[in-house]
PDB file of N, CA and C in Angstrom:
ATOM      1  N   MET A   1     -58.139 -25.559 -25.495  1.00  0.00           N
ATOM      2  CA  MET A   1     -56.887 -25.042 -24.970  1.00  0.00           C
ATOM      3  C   MET A   1     -55.843 -26.153 -24.875  1.00  0.00           C
ATOM      4  N   ARG A   2     -56.264 -27.320 -24.347  1.00  0.00           N
ATOM      5  CA  ARG A   2     -55.329 -28.436 -24.224  1.00  0.00           C
ATOM      6  C   ARG A   2     -54.823 -28.895 -25.588  1.00  0.00           C
ATOM      7  N   ALA A   3     -55.703 -28.884 -26.582  1.00  0.00           N
ATOM      8  CA  ALA A   3     -55.324 -29.296 -27.937  1.00  0.00           C
ATOM      9  C   ALA A   3     -54.238 -28.381 -28.484  1.00  0.00           C
ATOM     10  N   ASN A   4     -54.355 -27.084 -28.243  1.00  0.00           N
ATOM     11  CA  ASN A   4     -53.334 -26.129 -28.707  1.00  0.00           C
ATOM     12  C   ASN A   4     -51.992 -26.382 -28.034  1.00  0.00           C
ATOM     13  N   CYS A   5     -52.017 -26.656 -26.724  1.00  0.00           N
ATOM     14  CA  CYS A   5     -50.775 -26.941 -25.995  1.00  0.00           C
ATOM     15  C   CYS A   5     -50.121 -28.206 -26.537  1.00  0.00           C
ATOM     16  N   TRP A   6     -50.956 -29.225 -26.779  1.00  0.00           N
ATOM     17  CA  TRP A   6     -50.438 -30.484 -27.301  1.00  0.00           C
ATOM     18  C   TRP A   6     -49.802 -30.269 -28.673  1.00  0.00           C
ATOM     19  N   LEU A   7     -50.461 -29.492 -29.528  1.00  0.00           N
ATOM     20  CA  LEU A   7     -49.951 -29.203 -30.863  1.00  0.00           C
ATOM     21  C   LEU A   7     -48.616 -28.468 -30.790  1.00  0.00           C
ATOM     22  N   LEU A   8     -48.507 -27.490 -29.907  1.00  0.00           N
ATOM     23  CA  LEU A   8     -47.241 -26.763 -29.729  1.00  0.00           C
ATOM     24  C   LEU A   8     -46.138 -27.696 -29.253  1.00  0.00           C
ATOM     25  N   PHE A   9     -46.488 -28.604 -28.334  1.00  0.00           N
ATOM     26  CA  PHE A   9     -45.519 -29.568 -27.822  1.00  0.00           C
ATOM     27  C   PHE A   9     -45.008 -30.462 -28.949  1.00  0.00           C
ATOM     28  N   VAL A  10     -45.897 -30.950 -29.795  1.00  0.00           N
ATOM     29  CA  VAL A  10     -45.526 -31.811 -30.924  1.00  0.00           C
ATOM     30  C   VAL A  10     -44.641 -31.046 -31.910  1.00  0.00           C
ATOM     31  N   LEU A  11     -45.049 -29.830 -32.249  1.00  0.00           N
ATOM     32  CA  LEU A  11     -44.255 -29.020 -33.182  1.00  0.00           C
ATOM     33  C   LEU A  11     -42.868 -28.729 -32.622  1.00  0.00           C
ATOM     34  N   ALA A  12     -42.781 -28.406 -31.329  1.00  0.00           N
ATOM     35  CA  ALA A  12     -41.481 -28.147 -30.691  1.00  0.00           C
ATOM     36  C   ALA A  12     -40.600 -29.396 -30.779  1.00  0.00           C
ATOM     37  N   GLY A  13     -41.191 -30.563 -30.582  1.00  0.00           N
ATOM     38  CA  GLY A  13     -40.443 -31.825 -30.674  1.00  0.00           C
ATOM     39  C   GLY A  13     -39.923 -32.080 -32.076  1.00  0.00           C
ATOM     40  N   ILE A  14     -40.745 -31.773 -33.074  1.00  0.00           N
ATOM     41  CA  ILE A  14     -40.328 -31.956 -34.462  1.00  0.00           C
ATOM     42  C   ILE A  14     -39.172 -31.025 -34.791  1.00  0.00           C
ATOM     43  N   VAL A  15     -39.296 -29.761 -34.408  1.00  0.00           N
ATOM     44  CA  VAL A  15     -38.229 -28.790 -34.666  1.00  0.00           C
ATOM     45  C   VAL A  15     -36.951 -29.203 -33.959  1.00  0.00           C
ATOM     46  N   ALA A  16     -37.042 -29.628 -32.718  1.00  0.00           N
ATOM     47  CA  ALA A  16     -35.864 -30.069 -31.969  1.00  0.00           C
ATOM     48  C   ALA A  16     -35.235 -31.282 -32.645  1.00  0.00           C
ATOM     49  N   GLY A  17     -36.062 -32.193 -33.131  1.00  0.00           N
ATOM     50  CA  GLY A  17     -35.550 -33.374 -33.828  1.00  0.00           C
ATOM     51  C   GLY A  17     -34.804 -33.019 -35.092  1.00  0.00           C
ATOM     52  N   ILE A  18     -35.319 -32.051 -35.834  1.00  0.00           N
ATOM     53  CA  ILE A  18     -34.644 -31.600 -37.052  1.00  0.00           C
ATOM     54  C   ILE A  18     -33.315 -30.961 -36.701  1.00  0.00           C
ATOM     55  N   ALA A  19     -33.285 -30.131 -35.666  1.00  0.00           N
ATOM     56  CA  ALA A  19     -32.044 -29.459 -35.256  1.00  0.00           C
ATOM     57  C   ALA A  19     -30.996 -30.476 -34.846  1.00  0.00           C
ATOM     58  N   VAL A  20     -31.393 -31.512 -34.113  1.00  0.00           N
ATOM     59  CA  VAL A  20     -30.443 -32.542 -33.684  1.00  0.00           C
ATOM     60  C   VAL A  20     -29.922 -33.299 -34.890  1.00  0.00           C
ATOM     61  N   THR A  21     -30.795 -33.624 -35.838  1.00  0.00           N
ATOM     62  CA  THR A  21     -30.382 -34.347 -37.032  1.00  0.00           C
ATOM     63  C   THR A  21     -29.358 -33.536 -37.818  1.00  0.00           C
ATOM     64  N   GLU A  22     -29.631 -32.243 -38.005  1.00  0.00           N
ATOM     65  CA  GLU A  22     -28.703 -31.410 -38.758  1.00  0.00           C
ATOM     66  C   GLU A  22     -27.385 -31.244 -38.024  1.00  0.00           C
ATOM     67  N   ALA A  23     -27.434 -31.062 -36.714  1.00  0.00           N
ATOM     68  CA  ALA A  23     -26.214 -30.870 -35.939  1.00  0.00           C
ATOM     69  C   ALA A  23     -25.374 -32.145 -35.931  1.00  0.00           C
ATOM     70  N   GLY A  24     -26.034 -33.314 -35.902  1.00  0.00           N
ATOM     71  CA  GLY A  24     -25.310 -34.569 -35.841  1.00  0.00           C
ATOM     72  C   GLY A  24     -24.958 -35.140 -37.205  1.00  0.00           C
ATOM     73  N   GLU A  25     -25.386 -34.495 -38.256  1.00  0.00           N
ATOM     74  CA  GLU A  25     -25.169 -34.980 -39.613  1.00  0.00           C
ATOM     75  C   GLU A  25     -23.677 -34.959 -39.952  1.00  0.00           C
ATOM     76  N   ASN A  26     -23.197 -36.011 -40.600  1.00  0.00           N
ATOM     77  CA  ASN A  26     -21.800 -36.064 -41.022  1.00  0.00           C
ATOM     78  C   ASN A  26     -21.641 -35.224 -42.278  1.00  0.00           C
ATOM     79  N   LYS A  27     -20.907 -34.162 -42.166  1.00  0.00           N
ATOM     80  CA  LYS A  27     -20.737 -33.265 -43.302  1.00  0.00           C
ATOM     81  C   LYS A  27     -19.358 -33.421 -43.935  1.00  0.00           C
ATOM     82  N   GLY A  28     -18.667 -34.496 -43.630  1.00  0.00           N
ATOM     83  CA  GLY A  28     -17.370 -34.737 -44.244  1.00  0.00           C
ATOM     84  C   GLY A  28     -16.237 -34.033 -43.510  1.00  0.00           C
ATOM     85  N   ALA A  29     -15.057 -34.178 -44.068  1.00  0.00           N
ATOM     86  CA  ALA A  29     -13.856 -33.606 -43.468  1.00  0.00           C
ATOM     87  C   ALA A  29     -13.857 -32.090 -43.565  1.00  0.00           C
ATOM     88  N   GLU A  30     -13.228 -31.443 -42.584  1.00  0.00           N
ATOM     89  CA  GLU A  30     -13.099 -29.983 -42.640  1.00  0.00           C
ATOM     90  C   GLU A  30     -12.153 -29.577 -43.761  1.00  0.00           C
ATOM     91  N   ILE A  31     -11.082 -30.340 -43.905  1.00  0.00           N
ATOM     92  CA  ILE A  31     -10.079 -30.074 -44.946  1.00  0.00           C
ATOM     93  C   ILE A  31      -9.814 -31.375 -45.676  1.00  0.00           C
ATOM     94  N   ILE A  32      -9.736 -31.305 -46.994  1.00  0.00           N
ATOM     95  CA  ILE A  32      -9.461 -32.480 -47.810  1.00  0.00           C
ATOM     96  C   ILE A  32      -8.206 -32.190 -48.628  1.00  0.00           C
ATOM     97  N   VAL A  33      -7.257 -33.106 -48.591  1.00  0.00           N
ATOM     98  CA  VAL A  33      -6.041 -32.948 -49.384  1.00  0.00           C
ATOM     99  C   VAL A  33      -6.167 -33.828 -50.626  1.00  0.00           C
ATOM    100  N   LEU A  34      -6.081 -33.184 -51.789  1.00  0.00           N
ATOM    101  CA  LEU A  34      -6.236 -33.875 -53.072  1.00  0.00           C
ATOM    102  C   LEU A  34      -4.904 -33.937 -53.797  1.00  0.00           C
ATOM    103  N   ARG A  35      -4.703 -35.015 -54.525  1.00  0.00           N
ATOM    104  CA  ARG A  35      -3.513 -35.096 -55.379  1.00  0.00           C
ATOM    105  C   ARG A  35      -3.735 -34.156 -56.545  1.00  0.00           C
ATOM    106  N   GLY A  36      -2.788 -33.273 -56.763  1.00  0.00           N
ATOM    107  CA  GLY A  36      -2.942 -32.285 -57.816  1.00  0.00           C
ATOM    108  C   GLY A  36      -1.993 -32.497 -58.980  1.00  0.00           C
ATOM    109  N   GLY A  37      -1.613 -33.736 -59.227  1.00  0.00           N
ATOM    110  CA  GLY A  37      -0.731 -34.036 -60.353  1.00  0.00           C
ATOM    111  C   GLY A  37       0.669 -33.474 -60.148  1.00  0.00           C
ATOM    112  N   ARG A  38       1.324 -33.155 -61.249  1.00  0.00           N
ATOM    113  CA  ARG A  38       2.705 -32.642 -61.196  1.00  0.00           C
ATOM    114  C   ARG A  38       2.806 -31.291 -60.500  1.00  0.00           C
ATOM    115  N   SER A  39       1.709 -30.580 -60.453  1.00  0.00           N
ATOM    116  CA  SER A  39       1.724 -29.246 -59.851  1.00  0.00           C
ATOM    117  C   SER A  39       1.707 -29.286 -58.323  1.00  0.00           C
ATOM    118  N   GLY A  40       1.460 -30.458 -57.750  1.00  0.00           N
ATOM    119  CA  GLY A  40       1.469 -30.597 -56.297  1.00  0.00           C
ATOM    120  C   GLY A  40       0.081 -30.750 -55.711  1.00  0.00           C
ATOM    121  N   ARG A  41       0.060 -31.120 -54.448  1.00  0.00           N
ATOM    122  CA  ARG A  41      -1.202 -31.384 -53.771  1.00  0.00           C
ATOM    123  C   ARG A  41      -2.027 -30.111 -53.593  1.00  0.00           C
ATOM    124  N   VAL A  42      -3.333 -30.308 -53.405  1.00  0.00           N
ATOM    125  CA  VAL A  42      -4.260 -29.194 -53.192  1.00  0.00           C
ATOM    126  C   VAL A  42      -4.943 -29.422 -51.843  1.00  0.00           C
ATOM    127  N   THR A  43      -4.819 -28.450 -50.963  1.00  0.00           N
ATOM    128  CA  THR A  43      -5.507 -28.511 -49.680  1.00  0.00           C
ATOM    129  C   THR A  43      -6.827 -27.778 -49.855  1.00  0.00           C
ATOM    130  N   PHE A  44      -7.919 -28.538 -49.820  1.00  0.00           N
ATOM    131  CA  PHE A  44      -9.244 -28.011 -50.097  1.00  0.00           C
ATOM    132  C   PHE A  44      -9.999 -27.747 -48.796  1.00  0.00           C
ATOM    133  N   PRO A  45     -10.348 -26.493 -48.513  1.00  0.00           N
ATOM    134  CA  PRO A  45     -11.081 -26.158 -47.286  1.00  0.00           C
ATOM    135  C   PRO A  45     -12.571 -26.490 -47.410  1.00  0.00           C
ATOM    136  N   HIS A  46     -12.904 -27.750 -47.223  1.00  0.00           N
ATOM    137  CA  HIS A  46     -14.252 -28.271 -47.412  1.00  0.00           C
ATOM    138  C   HIS A  46     -15.278 -27.558 -46.523  1.00  0.00           C
ATOM    139  N   ALA A  47     -14.969 -27.412 -45.231  1.00  0.00           N
ATOM    140  CA  ALA A  47     -15.914 -26.783 -44.291  1.00  0.00           C
ATOM    141  C   ALA A  47     -16.200 -25.337 -44.682  1.00  0.00           C
ATOM    142  N   THR A  48     -15.197 -24.629 -45.155  1.00  0.00           N
ATOM    143  CA  THR A  48     -15.387 -23.239 -45.590  1.00  0.00           C
ATOM    144  C   THR A  48     -16.345 -23.185 -46.768  1.00  0.00           C
ATOM    145  N   HIS A  49     -16.175 -24.086 -47.720  1.00  0.00           N
ATOM    146  CA  HIS A  49     -17.064 -24.131 -48.882  1.00  0.00           C
ATOM    147  C   HIS A  49     -18.496 -24.451 -48.457  1.00  0.00           C
ATOM    148  N   GLN A  50     -18.657 -25.372 -47.521  1.00  0.00           N
ATOM    149  CA  GLN A  50     -19.994 -25.711 -47.039  1.00  0.00           C
ATOM    150  C   GLN A  50     -20.664 -24.490 -46.414  1.00  0.00           C
ATOM    151  N   LYS A  51     -19.902 -23.759 -45.615  1.00  0.00           N
ATOM    152  CA  LYS A  51     -20.435 -22.593 -44.928  1.00  0.00           C
ATOM    153  C   LYS A  51     -20.836 -21.492 -45.913  1.00  0.00           C
ATOM    154  N   VAL A  52     -19.986 -21.257 -46.911  1.00  0.00           N
ATOM    155  CA  VAL A  52     -20.212 -20.160 -47.852  1.00  0.00           C
ATOM    156  C   VAL A  52     -21.251 -20.527 -48.914  1.00  0.00           C
ATOM    157  N   LEU A  53     -21.126 -21.705 -49.498  1.00  0.00           N
ATOM    158  CA  LEU A  53     -21.990 -22.083 -50.617  1.00  0.00           C
ATOM    159  C   LEU A  53     -23.358 -22.597 -50.193  1.00  0.00           C
ATOM    160  N   LYS A  54     -23.403 -23.348 -49.125  1.00  0.00           N
ATOM    161  CA  LYS A  54     -24.636 -23.916 -48.568  1.00  0.00           C
ATOM    162  C   LYS A  54     -25.332 -24.953 -49.458  1.00  0.00           C
ATOM    163  N   ASP A  55     -24.988 -25.045 -50.718  1.00  0.00           N
ATOM    164  CA  ASP A  55     -25.611 -26.011 -51.632  1.00  0.00           C
ATOM    165  C   ASP A  55     -24.560 -27.017 -52.087  1.00  0.00           C
ATOM    166  N   CYS A  56     -24.584 -28.195 -51.507  1.00  0.00           N
ATOM    167  CA  CYS A  56     -23.585 -29.226 -51.802  1.00  0.00           C
ATOM    168  C   CYS A  56     -23.579 -29.634 -53.277  1.00  0.00           C
ATOM    169  N   LYS A  57     -24.719 -29.520 -53.942  1.00  0.00           N
ATOM    170  CA  LYS A  57     -24.839 -29.954 -55.336  1.00  0.00           C
ATOM    171  C   LYS A  57     -24.026 -29.085 -56.293  1.00  0.00           C
ATOM    172  N   LEU A  58     -23.599 -27.906 -55.840  1.00  0.00           N
ATOM    173  CA  LEU A  58     -22.765 -27.065 -56.701  1.00  0.00           C
ATOM    174  C   LEU A  58     -21.462 -27.781 -57.063  1.00  0.00           C
ATOM    175  N   CYS A  59     -20.987 -28.625 -56.171  1.00  0.00           N
ATOM    176  CA  CYS A  59     -19.776 -29.415 -56.441  1.00  0.00           C
ATOM    177  C   CYS A  59     -20.102 -30.899 -56.609  1.00  0.00           C
ATOM    178  N   HIS A  60     -21.010 -31.382 -55.790  1.00  0.00           N
ATOM    179  CA  HIS A  60     -21.258 -32.818 -55.757  1.00  0.00           C
ATOM    180  C   HIS A  60     -22.103 -33.338 -56.911  1.00  0.00           C
ATOM    181  N   HIS A  61     -22.346 -32.528 -57.917  1.00  0.00           N
ATOM    182  CA  HIS A  61     -22.947 -33.068 -59.136  1.00  0.00           C
ATOM    183  C   HIS A  61     -21.888 -33.843 -59.916  1.00  0.00           C
ATOM    184  N   LEU A  62     -20.615 -33.590 -59.583  1.00  0.00           N
ATOM    185  CA  LEU A  62     -19.507 -34.279 -60.252  1.00  0.00           C
ATOM    186  C   LEU A  62     -19.172 -35.631 -59.628  1.00  0.00           C
ATOM    187  N   PHE A  63     -19.418 -35.768 -58.348  1.00  0.00           N
ATOM    188  CA  PHE A  63     -19.033 -36.991 -57.645  1.00  0.00           C
ATOM    189  C   PHE A  63     -19.914 -37.165 -56.405  1.00  0.00           C
ATOM    190  N   PRO A  64     -20.071 -38.428 -55.947  1.00  0.00           N
ATOM    191  CA  PRO A  64     -20.910 -38.706 -54.779  1.00  0.00           C
ATOM    192  C   PRO A  64     -20.323 -38.094 -53.506  1.00  0.00           C
ATOM    193  N   GLN A  65     -21.188 -37.899 -52.522  1.00  0.00           N
ATOM    194  CA  GLN A  65     -20.764 -37.360 -51.240  1.00  0.00           C
ATOM    195  C   GLN A  65     -20.304 -38.498 -50.345  1.00  0.00           C
ATOM    196  N   LYS A  66     -19.142 -39.033 -50.647  1.00  0.00           N
ATOM    197  CA  LYS A  66     -18.566 -40.076 -49.797  1.00  0.00           C
ATOM    198  C   LYS A  66     -17.048 -40.006 -49.879  1.00  0.00           C
ATOM    199  N   GLN A  67     -16.422 -40.422 -48.810  1.00  0.00           N
ATOM    200  CA  GLN A  67     -14.969 -40.392 -48.740  1.00  0.00           C
ATOM    201  C   GLN A  67     -14.370 -41.250 -49.845  1.00  0.00           C
ATOM    202  N   GLY A  68     -13.368 -40.708 -50.534  1.00  0.00           N
ATOM    203  CA  GLY A  68     -12.678 -41.440 -51.588  1.00  0.00           C
ATOM    204  C   GLY A  68     -13.387 -41.443 -52.932  1.00  0.00           C
ATOM    205  N   ALA A  69     -14.455 -40.674 -53.076  1.00  0.00           N
ATOM    206  CA  ALA A  69     -15.253 -40.688 -54.308  1.00  0.00           C
ATOM    207  C   ALA A  69     -14.440 -40.265 -55.529  1.00  0.00           C
ATOM    208  N   ILE A  70     -13.653 -39.210 -55.405  1.00  0.00           N
ATOM    209  CA  ILE A  70     -12.871 -38.724 -56.549  1.00  0.00           C
ATOM    210  C   ILE A  70     -11.859 -39.780 -56.965  1.00  0.00           C
ATOM    211  N   LYS A  71     -11.164 -40.330 -55.998  1.00  0.00           N
ATOM    212  CA  LYS A  71     -10.165 -41.376 -56.265  1.00  0.00           C
ATOM    213  C   LYS A  71     -10.812 -42.585 -56.959  1.00  0.00           C
ATOM    214  N   ASP A  72     -11.962 -43.017 -56.454  1.00  0.00           N
ATOM    215  CA  ASP A  72     -12.671 -44.164 -57.032  1.00  0.00           C
ATOM    216  C   ASP A  72     -13.097 -43.893 -58.477  1.00  0.00           C
ATOM    217  N   LEU A  73     -13.651 -42.700 -58.721  1.00  0.00           N
ATOM    218  CA  LEU A  73     -14.101 -42.364 -60.077  1.00  0.00           C
ATOM    219  C   LEU A  73     -12.929 -42.275 -61.055  1.00  0.00           C
ATOM    220  N   LYS A  74     -11.794 -41.766 -60.591  1.00  0.00           N
ATOM    221  CA  LYS A  74     -10.604 -41.701 -61.451  1.00  0.00           C
ATOM    222  C   LYS A  74     -10.155 -43.115 -61.823  1.00  0.00           C
ATOM    223  N   LYS A  75     -10.133 -44.013 -60.835  1.00  0.00           N
ATOM    224  CA  LYS A  75      -9.741 -45.406 -61.080  1.00  0.00           C
ATOM    225  C   LYS A  75     -10.641 -46.063 -62.116  1.00  0.00           C
ATOM    226  N   GLN A  76     -11.934 -45.756 -62.039  1.00  0.00           N
ATOM    227  CA  GLN A  76     -12.915 -46.348 -62.949  1.00  0.00           C
ATOM    228  C   GLN A  76     -12.943 -45.639 -64.306  1.00  0.00           C
ATOM    229  N   GLY A  77     -12.204 -44.529 -64.423  1.00  0.00           N
ATOM    230  CA  GLY A  77     -12.182 -43.768 -65.666  1.00  0.00           C
ATOM    231  C   GLY A  77     -13.462 -42.960 -65.891  1.00  0.00           C
ATOM    232  N   LYS A  78     -14.204 -42.711 -64.803  1.00  0.00           N
ATOM    233  CA  LYS A  78     -15.479 -42.004 -64.918  1.00  0.00           C
ATOM    234  C   LYS A  78     -15.389 -40.519 -64.584  1.00  0.00           C
ATOM    235  N   LEU A  79     -14.219 -40.060 -64.157  1.00  0.00           N
ATOM    236  CA  LEU A  79     -14.053 -38.639 -63.860  1.00  0.00           C
ATOM    237  C   LEU A  79     -12.989 -38.095 -64.793  1.00  0.00           C
ATOM    238  N   LYS A  80     -13.397 -37.166 -65.624  1.00  0.00           N
ATOM    239  CA  LYS A  80     -12.470 -36.616 -66.599  1.00  0.00           C
ATOM    240  C   LYS A  80     -11.356 -35.850 -65.903  1.00  0.00           C
ATOM    241  N   LYS A  81     -10.162 -35.954 -66.450  1.00  0.00           N
ATOM    242  CA  LYS A  81      -9.003 -35.277 -65.899  1.00  0.00           C
ATOM    243  C   LYS A  81      -9.278 -33.787 -65.768  1.00  0.00           C
ATOM    244  N   LYS A  82      -9.005 -33.259 -64.625  1.00  0.00           N
ATOM    245  CA  LYS A  82      -9.139 -31.838 -64.295  1.00  0.00           C
ATOM    246  C   LYS A  82     -10.586 -31.337 -64.239  1.00  0.00           C
ATOM    247  N   ALA A  83     -11.566 -32.226 -64.257  1.00  0.00           N
ATOM    248  CA  ALA A  83     -12.972 -31.795 -64.214  1.00  0.00           C
ATOM    249  C   ALA A  83     -13.286 -31.054 -62.920  1.00  0.00           C
ATOM    250  N   VAL A  84     -12.769 -31.549 -61.808  1.00  0.00           N
ATOM    251  CA  VAL A  84     -13.016 -30.907 -60.516  1.00  0.00           C
ATOM    252  C   VAL A  84     -12.389 -29.520 -60.503  1.00  0.00           C
ATOM    253  N   MET A  85     -11.142 -29.421 -60.972  1.00  0.00           N
ATOM    254  CA  MET A  85     -10.454 -28.131 -60.994  1.00  0.00           C
ATOM    255  C   MET A  85     -11.194 -27.118 -61.873  1.00  0.00           C
ATOM    256  N   ARG A  86     -11.652 -27.539 -63.027  1.00  0.00           N
ATOM    257  CA  ARG A  86     -12.384 -26.628 -63.918  1.00  0.00           C
ATOM    258  C   ARG A  86     -13.650 -26.110 -63.244  1.00  0.00           C
ATOM    259  N   ASN A  87     -14.326 -26.992 -62.515  1.00  0.00           N
ATOM    260  CA  ASN A  87     -15.526 -26.589 -61.783  1.00  0.00           C
ATOM    261  C   ASN A  87     -15.173 -25.527 -60.734  1.00  0.00           C
ATOM    262  N   CYS A  88     -14.083 -25.740 -60.017  1.00  0.00           N
ATOM    263  CA  CYS A  88     -13.632 -24.781 -58.990  1.00  0.00           C
ATOM    264  C   CYS A  88     -13.312 -23.427 -59.629  1.00  0.00           C
ATOM    265  N   MET A  89     -12.521 -23.457 -60.673  1.00  0.00           N
ATOM    266  CA  MET A  89     -12.087 -22.224 -61.323  1.00  0.00           C
ATOM    267  C   MET A  89     -13.286 -21.442 -61.886  1.00  0.00           C
ATOM    268  N   ARG A  90     -14.217 -22.138 -62.488  1.00  0.00           N
ATOM    269  CA  ARG A  90     -15.412 -21.492 -63.049  1.00  0.00           C
ATOM    270  C   ARG A  90     -16.175 -20.751 -61.942  1.00  0.00           C
ATOM    271  N   CYS A  91     -16.360 -21.409 -60.820  1.00  0.00           N
ATOM    272  CA  CYS A  91     -17.098 -20.819 -59.708  1.00  0.00           C
ATOM    273  C   CYS A  91     -16.328 -19.636 -59.113  1.00  0.00           C
ATOM    274  N   HIS A  92     -15.020 -19.812 -58.897  1.00  0.00           N
ATOM    275  CA  HIS A  92     -14.211 -18.739 -58.325  1.00  0.00           C
ATOM    276  C   HIS A  92     -14.209 -17.506 -59.231  1.00  0.00           C
ATOM    277  N   ARG A  93     -14.046 -17.714 -60.522  1.00  0.00           N
ATOM    278  CA  ARG A  93     -14.025 -16.580 -61.469  1.00  0.00           C
ATOM    279  C   ARG A  93     -15.386 -15.881 -61.539  1.00  0.00           C
ATOM    280  N   LYS A  94     -16.443 -16.673 -61.574  1.00  0.00           N
ATOM    281  CA  LYS A  94     -17.795 -16.112 -61.629  1.00  0.00           C
ATOM    282  C   LYS A  94     -18.064 -15.262 -60.376  1.00  0.00           C
ATOM    283  N   THR A  95     -17.656 -15.759 -59.227  1.00  0.00           N
ATOM    284  CA  THR A  95     -17.842 -15.031 -57.971  1.00  0.00           C
ATOM    285  C   THR A  95     -17.018 -13.750 -57.967  1.00  0.00           C
ATOM    286  N   ALA A  96     -15.779 -13.828 -58.435  1.00  0.00           N
ATOM    287  CA  ALA A  96     -14.898 -12.648 -58.471  1.00  0.00           C
ATOM    288  C   ALA A  96     -15.475 -11.562 -59.381  1.00  0.00           C
ATOM    289  N   LYS A  97     -16.081 -11.961 -60.492  1.00  0.00           N
ATOM    290  CA  LYS A  97     -16.667 -10.986 -61.423  1.00  0.00           C
ATOM    291  C   LYS A  97     -17.808 -10.195 -60.806  1.00  0.00           C
ATOM    292  N   THR A  98     -18.474 -10.774 -59.821  1.00  0.00           N
ATOM    293  CA  THR A  98     -19.573 -10.062 -59.164  1.00  0.00           C
ATOM    294  C   THR A  98     -19.060  -9.083 -58.118  1.00  0.00           C
ATOM    295  N   GLY A  99     -17.751  -9.121 -57.866  1.00  0.00           N
ATOM    296  CA  GLY A  99     -17.164  -8.220 -56.877  1.00  0.00           C
ATOM    297  C   GLY A  99     -17.137  -8.794 -55.468  1.00  0.00           C
ATOM    298  N   ARG A 100     -17.661 -10.020 -55.317  1.00  0.00           N
ATOM    299  CA  ARG A 100     -17.639 -10.667 -54.000  1.00  0.00           C
ATOM    300  C   ARG A 100     -16.310 -11.368 -53.789  1.00  0.00           C
ATOM    301  N   LYS A 101     -15.973 -11.619 -52.532  1.00  0.00           N
ATOM    302  CA  LYS A 101     -14.760 -12.363 -52.210  1.00  0.00           C
ATOM    303  C   LYS A 101     -14.888 -13.759 -52.811  1.00  0.00           C
ATOM    304  N   SER A 102     -13.831 -14.204 -53.469  1.00  0.00           N
ATOM    305  CA  SER A 102     -13.881 -15.521 -54.102  1.00  0.00           C
ATOM    306  C   SER A 102     -12.648 -16.327 -53.732  1.00  0.00           C
ATOM    307  N   GLY A 103     -12.660 -17.563 -54.179  1.00  0.00           N
ATOM    308  CA  GLY A 103     -11.500 -18.418 -53.991  1.00  0.00           C
ATOM    309  C   GLY A 103     -10.428 -18.064 -55.001  1.00  0.00           C
ATOM    310  N   PRO A 104      -9.269 -18.699 -54.893  1.00  0.00           N
ATOM    311  CA  PRO A 104      -8.138 -18.414 -55.780  1.00  0.00           C
ATOM    312  C   PRO A 104      -8.439 -18.732 -57.244  1.00  0.00           C
ATOM    313  N   VAL A 105      -7.780 -18.009 -58.130  1.00  0.00           N
ATOM    314  CA  VAL A 105      -7.930 -18.254 -59.561  1.00  0.00           C
ATOM    315  C   VAL A 105      -6.575 -18.489 -60.234  1.00  0.00           C
ATOM    316  N   ARG A 106      -5.529 -18.639 -59.448  1.00  0.00           N
ATOM    317  CA  ARG A 106      -4.193 -18.934 -59.978  1.00  0.00           C
ATOM    318  C   ARG A 106      -3.734 -20.305 -59.477  1.00  0.00           C
ATOM    319  N   CYS A 107      -3.094 -21.056 -60.348  1.00  0.00           N
ATOM    320  CA  CYS A 107      -2.699 -22.430 -60.057  1.00  0.00           C
ATOM    321  C   CYS A 107      -1.916 -22.574 -58.746  1.00  0.00           C
ATOM    322  N   LYS A 108      -0.863 -21.790 -58.596  1.00  0.00           N
ATOM    323  CA  LYS A 108       0.042 -21.964 -57.459  1.00  0.00           C
ATOM    324  C   LYS A 108      -0.581 -21.554 -56.136  1.00  0.00           C
ATOM    325  N   THR A 109      -1.736 -20.909 -56.169  1.00  0.00           N
ATOM    326  CA  THR A 109      -2.409 -20.557 -54.928  1.00  0.00           C
ATOM    327  C   THR A 109      -2.952 -21.817 -54.244  1.00  0.00           C
ATOM    328  N   CYS A 110      -3.387 -22.773 -55.048  1.00  0.00           N
ATOM    329  CA  CYS A 110      -3.938 -24.030 -54.491  1.00  0.00           C
ATOM    330  C   CYS A 110      -2.927 -25.170 -54.531  1.00  0.00           C
ATOM    331  N   HIS A 111      -2.216 -25.292 -55.637  1.00  0.00           N
ATOM    332  CA  HIS A 111      -1.269 -26.394 -55.814  1.00  0.00           C
ATOM    333  C   HIS A 111       0.043 -26.111 -55.090  1.00  0.00           C
ATOM    334  N   ARG A 112       0.433 -27.026 -54.204  1.00  0.00           N
ATOM    335  CA  ARG A 112       1.679 -26.883 -53.436  1.00  0.00           C
ATOM    336  C   ARG A 112       2.507 -28.165 -53.562  1.00  0.00           C
ATOM    337  N   LYS A 113       3.769 -28.003 -53.871  1.00  0.00           N
ATOM    338  CA  LYS A 113       4.662 -29.172 -53.971  1.00  0.00           C
ATOM    339  C   LYS A 113       5.232 -29.518 -52.628  1.00  0.00           C
TER     340      LYS A 113
END
C-alpha cells in the first residue's frame, strides 16, 4: 500500500513539473511586426498562430525559434526573398479550401503602410 502511495506521489510531482515547465516556457512575442518591403509592415499575431496551429515546426522549419532570426538570415543571404510570405499564403489557402477559418489571403490584409 505504501509503495502505491509513493508511486502516485512521484507521478504527481512529475506531472506538476511538466506543467510548470510548459507554463513558464518562453513562447516568444505575442505579436511580431515584420518589415514587409514596399508594401508596408506586417503585424503577425504569433500567439494566435501558436494557439491554433500547435506545431511550431509548421513555420519554424524556415528559421530558428529565436528573436531576430528572420532579420539575421536575410543579412546572411540564407532566407530567400518572400519565403516566409509564401509559406503563410500556402497554409492560409490550404486551410480556406477545407472550409475552416483561415488567415488572410490578400496582400493588403497583412501589409500596412
